PDB file of N, CA and C in Angstrom:
ATOM      1  N   UNK A   1     160.367 220.505  -4.468  1.00  0.00           N
ATOM      2  CA  UNK A   1     160.152 219.089  -4.292  1.00  0.00           C
ATOM      3  C   UNK A   1     158.706 218.856  -3.880  1.00  0.00           C
ATOM      4  N   UNK A   2     158.174 217.711  -4.297  1.00  0.00           N
ATOM      5  CA  UNK A   2     156.778 217.347  -4.008  1.00  0.00           C
ATOM      6  C   UNK A   2     156.722 215.960  -3.384  1.00  0.00           C
ATOM      7  N   UNK A   3     155.687 215.736  -2.605  1.00  0.00           N
ATOM      8  CA  UNK A   3     155.369 214.411  -2.088  1.00  0.00           C
ATOM      9  C   UNK A   3     154.071 213.987  -2.744  1.00  0.00           C
ATOM     10  N   UNK A   4     154.127 212.892  -3.507  1.00  0.00           N
ATOM     11  CA  UNK A   4     152.939 212.337  -4.132  1.00  0.00           C
ATOM     12  C   UNK A   4     152.453 211.204  -3.243  1.00  0.00           C
ATOM     13  N   UNK A   5     151.235 211.331  -2.745  1.00  0.00           N
ATOM     14  CA  UNK A   5     150.618 210.290  -1.924  1.00  0.00           C
ATOM     15  C   UNK A   5     149.551 209.641  -2.791  1.00  0.00           C
ATOM     16  N   UNK A   6     149.689 208.346  -3.010  1.00  0.00           N
ATOM     17  CA  UNK A   6     148.758 207.644  -3.893  1.00  0.00           C
ATOM     18  C   UNK A   6     148.167 206.451  -3.156  1.00  0.00           C
ATOM     19  N   UNK A   7     146.847 206.392  -3.114  1.00  0.00           N
ATOM     20  CA  UNK A   7     146.138 205.277  -2.481  1.00  0.00           C
ATOM     21  C   UNK A   7     145.589 204.417  -3.608  1.00  0.00           C
ATOM     22  N   UNK A   8     146.052 203.164  -3.666  1.00  0.00           N
ATOM     23  CA  UNK A   8     145.687 202.281  -4.780  1.00  0.00           C
ATOM     24  C   UNK A   8     145.158 200.951  -4.253  1.00  0.00           C
ATOM     25  N   UNK A   9     144.394 200.276  -5.075  1.00  0.00           N
ATOM     26  CA  UNK A   9     143.839 198.966  -4.746  1.00  0.00           C
ATOM     27  C   UNK A   9     144.967 197.947  -4.698  1.00  0.00           C
ATOM     28  N   UNK A  10     144.879 196.998  -3.778  1.00  0.00           N
ATOM     29  CA  UNK A  10     145.920 195.973  -3.634  1.00  0.00           C
ATOM     30  C   UNK A  10     146.176 195.203  -4.926  1.00  0.00           C
ATOM     31  N   UNK A  11     145.148 195.024  -5.754  1.00  0.00           N
ATOM     32  CA  UNK A  11     145.325 194.280  -7.008  1.00  0.00           C
ATOM     33  C   UNK A  11     146.213 195.027  -8.007  1.00  0.00           C
ATOM     34  N   UNK A  12     146.328 196.336  -7.874  1.00  0.00           N
ATOM     35  CA  UNK A  12     147.079 197.148  -8.823  1.00  0.00           C
ATOM     36  C   UNK A  12     148.493 197.481  -8.368  1.00  0.00           C
ATOM     37  N   UNK A  13     148.803 197.252  -7.104  1.00  0.00           N
ATOM     38  CA  UNK A  13     150.033 197.808  -6.541  1.00  0.00           C
ATOM     39  C   UNK A  13     151.306 197.153  -7.071  1.00  0.00           C
ATOM     40  N   UNK A  14     151.283 195.857  -7.368  1.00  0.00           N
ATOM     41  CA  UNK A  14     152.529 195.189  -7.769  1.00  0.00           C
ATOM     42  C   UNK A  14     153.050 195.706  -9.106  1.00  0.00           C
ATOM     43  N   UNK A  15     152.192 195.810 -10.097  1.00  0.00           N
ATOM     44  CA  UNK A  15     152.609 196.333 -11.401  1.00  0.00           C
ATOM     45  C   UNK A  15     153.028 197.798 -11.275  1.00  0.00           C
ATOM     46  N   UNK A  16     152.317 198.551 -10.457  1.00  0.00           N
ATOM     47  CA  UNK A  16     152.642 199.956 -10.268  1.00  0.00           C
ATOM     48  C   UNK A  16     154.023 200.113  -9.637  1.00  0.00           C
ATOM     49  N   UNK A  17     154.307 199.346  -8.595  1.00  0.00           N
ATOM     50  CA  UNK A  17     155.621 199.419  -7.946  1.00  0.00           C
ATOM     51  C   UNK A  17     156.748 199.050  -8.903  1.00  0.00           C
ATOM     52  N   UNK A  18     156.523 198.043  -9.727  1.00  0.00           N
ATOM     53  CA  UNK A  18     157.546 197.638 -10.692  1.00  0.00           C
ATOM     54  C   UNK A  18     157.865 198.773 -11.662  1.00  0.00           C
ATOM     55  N   UNK A  19     156.825 199.438 -12.167  1.00  0.00           N
ATOM     56  CA  UNK A  19     157.067 200.511 -13.129  1.00  0.00           C
ATOM     57  C   UNK A  19     157.692 201.739 -12.471  1.00  0.00           C
ATOM     58  N   UNK A  20     157.267 202.051 -11.255  1.00  0.00           N
ATOM     59  CA  UNK A  20     157.859 203.192 -10.557  1.00  0.00           C
ATOM     60  C   UNK A  20     159.348 202.956 -10.298  1.00  0.00           C
ATOM     61  N   UNK A  21     159.700 201.771  -9.820  1.00  0.00           N
ATOM     62  CA  UNK A  21     161.113 201.487  -9.546  1.00  0.00           C
ATOM     63  C   UNK A  21     161.916 201.364 -10.841  1.00  0.00           C
ATOM     64  N   UNK A  22     161.306 200.875 -11.915  1.00  0.00           N
ATOM     65  CA  UNK A  22     161.987 200.805 -13.211  1.00  0.00           C
ATOM     66  C   UNK A  22     162.318 202.208 -13.724  1.00  0.00           C
ATOM     67  N   UNK A  23     161.551 203.204 -13.303  1.00  0.00           N
ATOM     68  CA  UNK A  23     161.802 204.594 -13.677  1.00  0.00           C
ATOM     69  C   UNK A  23     162.643 205.322 -12.630  1.00  0.00           C
ATOM     70  N   UNK A  24     163.292 204.560 -11.758  1.00  0.00           N
ATOM     71  CA  UNK A  24     164.229 205.087 -10.744  1.00  0.00           C
ATOM     72  C   UNK A  24     163.564 206.065  -9.780  1.00  0.00           C
ATOM     73  N   UNK A  25     162.310 205.771  -9.425  1.00  0.00           N
ATOM     74  CA  UNK A  25     161.594 206.580  -8.451  1.00  0.00           C
ATOM     75  C   UNK A  25     161.590 205.848  -7.117  1.00  0.00           C
ATOM     76  N   UNK A  26     161.863 206.574  -6.060  1.00  0.00           N
ATOM     77  CA  UNK A  26     161.866 205.983  -4.714  1.00  0.00           C
ATOM     78  C   UNK A  26     160.456 205.986  -4.160  1.00  0.00           C
ATOM     79  N   UNK A  27     160.060 204.846  -3.615  1.00  0.00           N
ATOM     80  CA  UNK A  27     158.685 204.671  -3.150  1.00  0.00           C
ATOM     81  C   UNK A  27     158.696 204.042  -1.763  1.00  0.00           C
ATOM     82  N   UNK A  28     157.842 204.547  -0.886  1.00  0.00           N
ATOM     83  CA  UNK A  28     157.597 203.900   0.403  1.00  0.00           C
ATOM     84  C   UNK A  28     156.183 203.359   0.367  1.00  0.00           C
ATOM     85  N   UNK A  29     156.030 202.075   0.693  1.00  0.00           N
ATOM     86  CA  UNK A  29     154.737 201.379   0.615  1.00  0.00           C
ATOM     87  C   UNK A  29     154.180 201.191   2.022  1.00  0.00           C
ATOM     88  N   UNK A  30     152.929 201.580   2.206  1.00  0.00           N
ATOM     89  CA  UNK A  30     152.233 201.410   3.478  1.00  0.00           C
ATOM     90  C   UNK A  30     150.967 200.587   3.255  1.00  0.00           C
ATOM     91  N   UNK A  31     150.774 199.555   4.034  1.00  0.00           N
ATOM     92  CA  UNK A  31     149.533 198.777   3.958  1.00  0.00           C
ATOM     93  C   UNK A  31     148.455 199.543   4.717  1.00  0.00           C
ATOM     94  N   UNK A  32     147.333 199.812   4.039  1.00  0.00           N
ATOM     95  CA  UNK A  32     146.246 200.575   4.650  1.00  0.00           C
ATOM     96  C   UNK A  32     144.917 199.885   4.369  1.00  0.00           C
ATOM     97  N   UNK A  33     143.873 200.356   5.039  1.00  0.00           N
ATOM     98  CA  UNK A  33     142.542 199.791   4.864  1.00  0.00           C
ATOM     99  C   UNK A  33     141.562 200.915   4.571  1.00  0.00           C
ATOM    100  N   UNK A  34     140.724 200.704   3.542  1.00  0.00           N
ATOM    101  CA  UNK A  34     139.720 201.704   3.192  1.00  0.00           C
ATOM    102  C   UNK A  34     138.605 201.748   4.217  1.00  0.00           C
ATOM    103  N   UNK A  35     137.978 202.887   4.350  1.00  0.00           N
ATOM    104  CA  UNK A  35     136.926 203.062   5.341  1.00  0.00           C
ATOM    105  C   UNK A  35     135.574 202.520   4.921  1.00  0.00           C
ATOM    106  N   UNK A  36     135.176 202.720   3.661  1.00  0.00           N
ATOM    107  CA  UNK A  36     133.832 202.335   3.242  1.00  0.00           C
ATOM    108  C   UNK A  36     133.700 200.820   3.096  1.00  0.00           C
ATOM    109  N   UNK A  37     134.545 200.206   2.277  1.00  0.00           N
ATOM    110  CA  UNK A  37     134.463 198.757   2.063  1.00  0.00           C
ATOM    111  C   UNK A  37     135.287 197.964   3.064  1.00  0.00           C
ATOM    112  N   UNK A  38     136.082 198.659   3.833  1.00  0.00           N
ATOM    113  CA  UNK A  38     136.974 198.010   4.800  1.00  0.00           C
ATOM    114  C   UNK A  38     137.863 196.980   4.115  1.00  0.00           C
ATOM    115  N   UNK A  39     138.272 197.284   2.898  1.00  0.00           N
ATOM    116  CA  UNK A  39     139.103 196.382   2.117  1.00  0.00           C
ATOM    117  C   UNK A  39     140.535 196.895   2.113  1.00  0.00           C
ATOM    118  N   UNK A  40     141.471 195.970   1.878  1.00  0.00           N
ATOM    119  CA  UNK A  40     142.873 196.337   1.852  1.00  0.00           C
ATOM    120  C   UNK A  40     143.221 197.187   0.648  1.00  0.00           C
ATOM    121  N   UNK A  41     144.042 198.173   0.879  1.00  0.00           N
ATOM    122  CA  UNK A  41     144.618 198.944  -0.209  1.00  0.00           C
ATOM    123  C   UNK A  41     146.031 199.301   0.203  1.00  0.00           C
ATOM    124  N   UNK A  42     146.727 200.016  -0.633  1.00  0.00           N
ATOM    125  CA  UNK A  42     148.114 200.370  -0.362  1.00  0.00           C
ATOM    126  C   UNK A  42     148.281 201.859  -0.580  1.00  0.00           C
ATOM    127  N   UNK A  43     148.972 202.507   0.342  1.00  0.00           N
ATOM    128  CA  UNK A  43     149.297 203.910   0.203  1.00  0.00           C
ATOM    129  C   UNK A  43     150.774 204.009  -0.138  1.00  0.00           C
ATOM    130  N   UNK A  44     151.075 204.713  -1.219  1.00  0.00           N
ATOM    131  CA  UNK A  44     152.449 204.892  -1.661  1.00  0.00           C
ATOM    132  C   UNK A  44     152.863 206.334  -1.427  1.00  0.00           C
ATOM    133  N   UNK A  45     154.040 206.512  -0.861  1.00  0.00           N
ATOM    134  CA  UNK A  45     154.628 207.834  -0.668  1.00  0.00           C
ATOM    135  C   UNK A  45     155.791 207.951  -1.645  1.00  0.00           C
ATOM    136  N   UNK A  46     155.724 208.937  -2.531  1.00  0.00           N
ATOM    137  CA  UNK A  46     156.708 209.079  -3.594  1.00  0.00           C
ATOM    138  C   UNK A  46     157.239 210.510  -3.567  1.00  0.00           C
ATOM    139  N   UNK A  47     158.500 210.676  -3.226  1.00  0.00           N
ATOM    140  CA  UNK A  47     159.122 211.995  -3.229  1.00  0.00           C
ATOM    141  C   UNK A  47     159.769 212.260  -4.580  1.00  0.00           C
ATOM    142  N   UNK A  48     159.387 213.359  -5.237  1.00  0.00           N
ATOM    143  CA  UNK A  48     159.916 213.666  -6.567  1.00  0.00           C
ATOM    144  C   UNK A  48     160.186 215.160  -6.706  1.00  0.00           C
ATOM    145  N   UNK A  49     161.004 215.486  -7.697  1.00  0.00           N
ATOM    146  CA  UNK A  49     161.201 216.893  -8.055  1.00  0.00           C
ATOM    147  C   UNK A  49     159.930 217.399  -8.748  1.00  0.00           C
ATOM    148  N   UNK A  50     159.746 218.699  -8.736  1.00  0.00           N
ATOM    149  CA  UNK A  50     158.535 219.302  -9.298  1.00  0.00           C
ATOM    150  C   UNK A  50     158.267 218.868 -10.735  1.00  0.00           C
ATOM    151  N   UNK A  51     159.319 218.762 -11.535  1.00  0.00           N
ATOM    152  CA  UNK A  51     159.134 218.430 -12.951  1.00  0.00           C
ATOM    153  C   UNK A  51     158.815 216.958 -13.198  1.00  0.00           C
ATOM    154  N   UNK A  52     158.848 216.111 -12.164  1.00  0.00           N
ATOM    155  CA  UNK A  52     158.545 214.688 -12.319  1.00  0.00           C
ATOM    156  C   UNK A  52     157.126 214.308 -11.903  1.00  0.00           C
ATOM    157  N   UNK A  53     156.362 215.255 -11.381  1.00  0.00           N
ATOM    158  CA  UNK A  53     155.023 214.961 -10.866  1.00  0.00           C
ATOM    159  C   UNK A  53     154.117 214.408 -11.963  1.00  0.00           C
ATOM    160  N   UNK A  54     154.095 215.052 -13.115  1.00  0.00           N
ATOM    161  CA  UNK A  54     153.231 214.583 -14.204  1.00  0.00           C
ATOM    162  C   UNK A  54     153.617 213.178 -14.658  1.00  0.00           C
ATOM    163  N   UNK A  55     154.900 212.878 -14.687  1.00  0.00           N
ATOM    164  CA  UNK A  55     155.382 211.542 -15.058  1.00  0.00           C
ATOM    165  C   UNK A  55     154.855 210.497 -14.067  1.00  0.00           C
ATOM    166  N   UNK A  56     154.927 210.806 -12.769  1.00  0.00           N
ATOM    167  CA  UNK A  56     154.447 209.877 -11.736  1.00  0.00           C
ATOM    168  C   UNK A  56     152.943 209.660 -11.876  1.00  0.00           C
ATOM    169  N   UNK A  57     152.194 210.730 -12.076  1.00  0.00           N
ATOM    170  CA  UNK A  57     150.739 210.609 -12.206  1.00  0.00           C
ATOM    171  C   UNK A  57     150.385 209.777 -13.439  1.00  0.00           C
ATOM    172  N   UNK A  58     151.113 209.944 -14.516  1.00  0.00           N
ATOM    173  CA  UNK A  58     150.861 209.161 -15.728  1.00  0.00           C
ATOM    174  C   UNK A  58     151.152 207.673 -15.485  1.00  0.00           C
ATOM    175  N   UNK A  59     152.216 207.353 -14.759  1.00  0.00           N
ATOM    176  CA  UNK A  59     152.524 205.957 -14.419  1.00  0.00           C
ATOM    177  C   UNK A  59     151.403 205.367 -13.571  1.00  0.00           C
ATOM    178  N   UNK A  60     150.916 206.133 -12.605  1.00  0.00           N
ATOM    179  CA  UNK A  60     149.810 205.662 -11.752  1.00  0.00           C
ATOM    180  C   UNK A  60     148.568 205.435 -12.609  1.00  0.00           C
ATOM    181  N   UNK A  61     148.250 206.373 -13.480  1.00  0.00           N
ATOM    182  CA  UNK A  61     147.070 206.270 -14.351  1.00  0.00           C
ATOM    183  C   UNK A  61     147.148 205.012 -15.224  1.00  0.00           C
ATOM    184  N   UNK A  62     148.320 204.697 -15.745  1.00  0.00           N
ATOM    185  CA  UNK A  62     148.483 203.548 -16.635  1.00  0.00           C
ATOM    186  C   UNK A  62     148.419 202.199 -15.922  1.00  0.00           C
ATOM    187  N   UNK A  63     148.586 202.200 -14.605  1.00  0.00           N
ATOM    188  CA  UNK A  63     148.645 200.933 -13.875  1.00  0.00           C
ATOM    189  C   UNK A  63     147.478 200.688 -12.928  1.00  0.00           C
ATOM    190  N   UNK A  64     146.624 201.662 -12.746  1.00  0.00           N
ATOM    191  CA  UNK A  64     145.535 201.531 -11.771  1.00  0.00           C
ATOM    192  C   UNK A  64     144.199 201.748 -12.470  1.00  0.00           C
ATOM    193  N   UNK A  65     143.485 200.658 -12.707  1.00  0.00           N
ATOM    194  CA  UNK A  65     142.194 200.726 -13.395  1.00  0.00           C
ATOM    195  C   UNK A  65     141.058 200.614 -12.396  1.00  0.00           C
ATOM    196  N   UNK A  66     140.018 201.410 -12.603  1.00  0.00           N
ATOM    197  CA  UNK A  66     138.822 201.226 -11.782  1.00  0.00           C
ATOM    198  C   UNK A  66     137.958 200.158 -12.439  1.00  0.00           C
ATOM    199  N   UNK A  67     137.260 199.394 -11.633  1.00  0.00           N
ATOM    200  CA  UNK A  67     136.405 198.313 -12.123  1.00  0.00           C
ATOM    201  C   UNK A  67     135.229 198.139 -11.170  1.00  0.00           C
ATOM    202  N   UNK A  68     134.169 197.519 -11.679  1.00  0.00           N
ATOM    203  CA  UNK A  68     132.983 197.259 -10.856  1.00  0.00           C
ATOM    204  C   UNK A  68     133.169 195.980 -10.067  1.00  0.00           C
ATOM    205  N   UNK A  69     132.650 195.989  -8.840  1.00  0.00           N
ATOM    206  CA  UNK A  69     132.715 194.815  -7.976  1.00  0.00           C
ATOM    207  C   UNK A  69     131.433 194.772  -7.165  1.00  0.00           C
ATOM    208  N   UNK A  70     130.947 193.587  -6.895  1.00  0.00           N
ATOM    209  CA  UNK A  70     129.757 193.439  -6.062  1.00  0.00           C
ATOM    210  C   UNK A  70     130.216 193.243  -4.622  1.00  0.00           C
ATOM    211  N   UNK A  71     129.650 194.030  -3.728  1.00  0.00           N
ATOM    212  CA  UNK A  71     129.986 193.943  -2.306  1.00  0.00           C
ATOM    213  C   UNK A  71     128.685 193.983  -1.518  1.00  0.00           C
ATOM    214  N   UNK A  72     128.737 193.503  -0.292  1.00  0.00           N
ATOM    215  CA  UNK A  72     127.568 193.627   0.572  1.00  0.00           C
ATOM    216  C   UNK A  72     127.576 195.004   1.198  1.00  0.00           C
ATOM    217  N   UNK A  73     126.407 195.509   1.499  1.00  0.00           N
ATOM    218  CA  UNK A  73     126.316 196.840   2.079  1.00  0.00           C
ATOM    219  C   UNK A  73     127.001 196.848   3.445  1.00  0.00           C
ATOM    220  N   UNK A  74     127.611 197.977   3.805  1.00  0.00           N
ATOM    221  CA  UNK A  74     128.294 198.052   5.097  1.00  0.00           C
ATOM    222  C   UNK A  74     127.321 197.913   6.253  1.00  0.00           C
ATOM    223  N   UNK A  75     127.809 197.412   7.379  1.00  0.00           N
ATOM    224  CA  UNK A  75     126.953 197.245   8.551  1.00  0.00           C
ATOM    225  C   UNK A  75     126.543 198.608   9.086  1.00  0.00           C
ATOM    226  N   UNK A  76     125.363 198.696   9.679  1.00  0.00           N
ATOM    227  CA  UNK A  76     124.887 199.983  10.182  1.00  0.00           C
ATOM    228  C   UNK A  76     125.685 200.427  11.404  1.00  0.00           C
ATOM    229  N   UNK A  77     125.511 201.678  11.758  1.00  0.00           N
ATOM    230  CA  UNK A  77     126.170 202.240  12.927  1.00  0.00           C
ATOM    231  C   UNK A  77     125.674 201.513  14.169  1.00  0.00           C
ATOM    232  N   UNK A  78     126.570 201.266  15.117  1.00  0.00           N
ATOM    233  CA  UNK A  78     126.206 200.572  16.356  1.00  0.00           C
ATOM    234  C   UNK A  78     125.065 201.300  17.056  1.00  0.00           C
ATOM    235  N   UNK A  79     124.150 200.537  17.565  1.00  0.00           N
ATOM    236  CA  UNK A  79     123.034 201.120  18.286  1.00  0.00           C
ATOM    237  C   UNK A  79     121.812 201.388  17.421  1.00  0.00           C
ATOM    238  N   UNK A  80     121.919 201.147  16.130  1.00  0.00           N
ATOM    239  CA  UNK A  80     120.758 201.348  15.264  1.00  0.00           C
ATOM    240  C   UNK A  80     119.739 200.258  15.552  1.00  0.00           C
ATOM    241  N   UNK A  81     118.488 200.635  15.620  1.00  0.00           N
ATOM    242  CA  UNK A  81     117.448 199.658  15.936  1.00  0.00           C
ATOM    243  C   UNK A  81     116.949 198.987  14.670  1.00  0.00           C
ATOM    244  N   UNK A  82     116.303 197.859  14.828  1.00  0.00           N
ATOM    245  CA  UNK A  82     115.742 197.154  13.685  1.00  0.00           C
ATOM    246  C   UNK A  82     116.630 195.997  13.264  1.00  0.00           C
ATOM    247  N   UNK A  83     116.160 195.284  12.271  1.00  0.00           N
ATOM    248  CA  UNK A  83     116.891 194.127  11.759  1.00  0.00           C
ATOM    249  C   UNK A  83     117.715 194.575  10.558  1.00  0.00           C
ATOM    250  N   UNK A  84     118.963 194.155  10.530  1.00  0.00           N
ATOM    251  CA  UNK A  84     119.838 194.515   9.414  1.00  0.00           C
ATOM    252  C   UNK A  84     120.004 193.313   8.489  1.00  0.00           C
ATOM    253  N   UNK A  85     119.665 193.494   7.219  1.00  0.00           N
ATOM    254  CA  UNK A  85     119.847 192.436   6.229  1.00  0.00           C
ATOM    255  C   UNK A  85     120.772 192.994   5.151  1.00  0.00           C
ATOM    256  N   UNK A  86     122.011 192.471   5.081  1.00  0.00           N
ATOM    257  CA  UNK A  86     122.922 192.995   4.054  1.00  0.00           C
ATOM    258  C   UNK A  86     122.446 192.610   2.660  1.00  0.00           C
ATOM    259  N   UNK A  87     122.656 193.478   1.702  1.00  0.00           N
ATOM    260  CA  UNK A  87     122.272 193.197   0.327  1.00  0.00           C
ATOM    261  C   UNK A  87     123.444 193.588  -0.575  1.00  0.00           C
ATOM    262  N   UNK A  88     123.560 192.916  -1.709  1.00  0.00           N
ATOM    263  CA  UNK A  88     124.691 193.234  -2.597  1.00  0.00           C
ATOM    264  C   UNK A  88     124.486 194.577  -3.296  1.00  0.00           C
ATOM    265  N   UNK A  89     125.594 195.297  -3.423  1.00  0.00           N
ATOM    266  CA  UNK A  89     125.580 196.567  -4.138  1.00  0.00           C
ATOM    267  C   UNK A  89     126.773 196.595  -5.100  1.00  0.00           C
ATOM    268  N   UNK A  90     126.617 197.302  -6.211  1.00  0.00           N
ATOM    269  CA  UNK A  90     127.723 197.482  -7.148  1.00  0.00           C
ATOM    270  C   UNK A  90     128.537 198.692  -6.700  1.00  0.00           C
ATOM    271  N   UNK A  91     129.849 198.502  -6.603  1.00  0.00           N
ATOM    272  CA  UNK A  91     130.747 199.597  -6.248  1.00  0.00           C
ATOM    273  C   UNK A  91     131.916 199.617  -7.223  1.00  0.00           C
ATOM    274  N   UNK A  92     132.488 200.783  -7.414  1.00  0.00           N
ATOM    275  CA  UNK A  92     133.700 200.905  -8.218  1.00  0.00           C
ATOM    276  C   UNK A  92     134.889 200.740  -7.279  1.00  0.00           C
ATOM    277  N   UNK A  93     135.816 199.864  -7.639  1.00  0.00           N
ATOM    278  CA  UNK A  93     137.047 199.688  -6.891  1.00  0.00           C
ATOM    279  C   UNK A  93     138.214 199.907  -7.838  1.00  0.00           C
ATOM    280  N   UNK A  94     139.384 199.998  -7.280  1.00  0.00           N
ATOM    281  CA  UNK A  94     140.567 200.211  -8.099  1.00  0.00           C
ATOM    282  C   UNK A  94     140.754 201.680  -8.377  1.00  0.00           C
ATOM    283  N   UNK A  95     141.475 201.953  -9.449  1.00  0.00           N
ATOM    284  CA  UNK A  95     141.814 203.342  -9.714  1.00  0.00           C
ATOM    285  C   UNK A  95     142.811 203.814  -8.672  1.00  0.00           C
ATOM    286  N   UNK A  96     142.907 205.088  -8.491  1.00  0.00           N
ATOM    287  CA  UNK A  96     143.833 205.637  -7.505  1.00  0.00           C
ATOM    288  C   UNK A  96     143.329 206.985  -7.032  1.00  0.00           C
ATOM    289  N   UNK A  97     143.646 207.296  -5.803  1.00  0.00           N
ATOM    290  CA  UNK A  97     143.439 208.633  -5.271  1.00  0.00           C
ATOM    291  C   UNK A  97     144.825 209.210  -5.053  1.00  0.00           C
ATOM    292  N   UNK A  98     145.086 210.380  -5.626  1.00  0.00           N
ATOM    293  CA  UNK A  98     146.430 210.953  -5.605  1.00  0.00           C
ATOM    294  C   UNK A  98     146.391 212.347  -4.998  1.00  0.00           C
ATOM    295  N   UNK A  99     147.299 212.581  -4.060  1.00  0.00           N
ATOM    296  CA  UNK A  99     147.489 213.898  -3.460  1.00  0.00           C
ATOM    297  C   UNK A  99     148.915 214.338  -3.772  1.00  0.00           C
ATOM    298  N   UNK A 100     149.101 215.603  -4.109  1.00  0.00           N
ATOM    299  CA  UNK A 100     150.436 216.140  -4.343  1.00  0.00           C
ATOM    300  C   UNK A 100     150.636 217.291  -3.358  1.00  0.00           C
ATOM    301  N   UNK A 101     151.694 217.176  -2.558  1.00  0.00           N
ATOM    302  CA  UNK A 101     151.941 218.129  -1.474  1.00  0.00           C
ATOM    303  C   UNK A 101     153.317 218.757  -1.660  1.00  0.00           C
ATOM    304  N   UNK A 102     153.410 220.068  -1.456  1.00  0.00           N
ATOM    305  CA  UNK A 102     154.708 220.749  -1.480  1.00  0.00           C
ATOM    306  C   UNK A 102     155.544 220.314  -0.276  1.00  0.00           C
ATOM    307  N   UNK A 103     156.819 220.100  -0.516  1.00  0.00           N
ATOM    308  CA  UNK A 103     157.749 219.724   0.560  1.00  0.00           C
ATOM    309  C   UNK A 103     158.637 220.926   0.840  1.00  0.00           C
ATOM    310  N   UNK A 104     158.613 221.380   2.076  1.00  0.00           N
ATOM    311  CA  UNK A 104     159.422 222.533   2.455  1.00  0.00           C
ATOM    312  C   UNK A 104     160.882 222.148   2.612  1.00  0.00           C
ATOM    313  N   UNK A 105     161.112 220.949   3.157  1.00  0.00           N
ATOM    314  CA  UNK A 105     162.489 220.539   3.428  1.00  0.00           C
ATOM    315  C   UNK A 105     162.600 219.036   3.279  1.00  0.00           C
ATOM    316  N   UNK A 106     163.697 218.585   2.694  1.00  0.00           N
ATOM    317  CA  UNK A 106     163.960 217.147   2.514  1.00  0.00           C
ATOM    318  C   UNK A 106     165.354 216.855   3.052  1.00  0.00           C
ATOM    319  N   UNK A 107     165.438 215.894   3.964  1.00  0.00           N
ATOM    320  CA  UNK A 107     166.717 215.506   4.539  1.00  0.00           C
ATOM    321  C   UNK A 107     166.825 214.003   4.483  1.00  0.00           C
ATOM    322  N   UNK A 108     167.905 213.493   3.909  1.00  0.00           N
ATOM    323  CA  UNK A 108     168.144 212.044   3.879  1.00  0.00           C
ATOM    324  C   UNK A 108     169.360 211.771   4.742  1.00  0.00           C
ATOM    325  N   UNK A 109     169.189 210.976   5.783  1.00  0.00           N
ATOM    326  CA  UNK A 109     170.285 210.672   6.703  1.00  0.00           C
ATOM    327  C   UNK A 109     170.806 209.278   6.510  1.00  0.00           C
TER     328      UNK A 109
END
């Protein structure tokens, strides 16, 4: 058994959840915040059998697109001297970050 942990952009999560549940996959949704842009994203925990991992990754790939977005530069570390003037930067958002972890034991109570 595997645990697929997928971090996706909030704009992509609704379609992704619909397709995962339509394929009878159990999903736990966690609201999370990214560190760099400090923007909302969603972390999905998906427990699957070993032979279903590729299917899950393909569903994630089909529903999570990366795209360009203009954002202001992050604020400097506290205590930095000088004047800070934020400027717009192009960043890629969306897509997904996926981790697949072996599960030693699974218990459903």
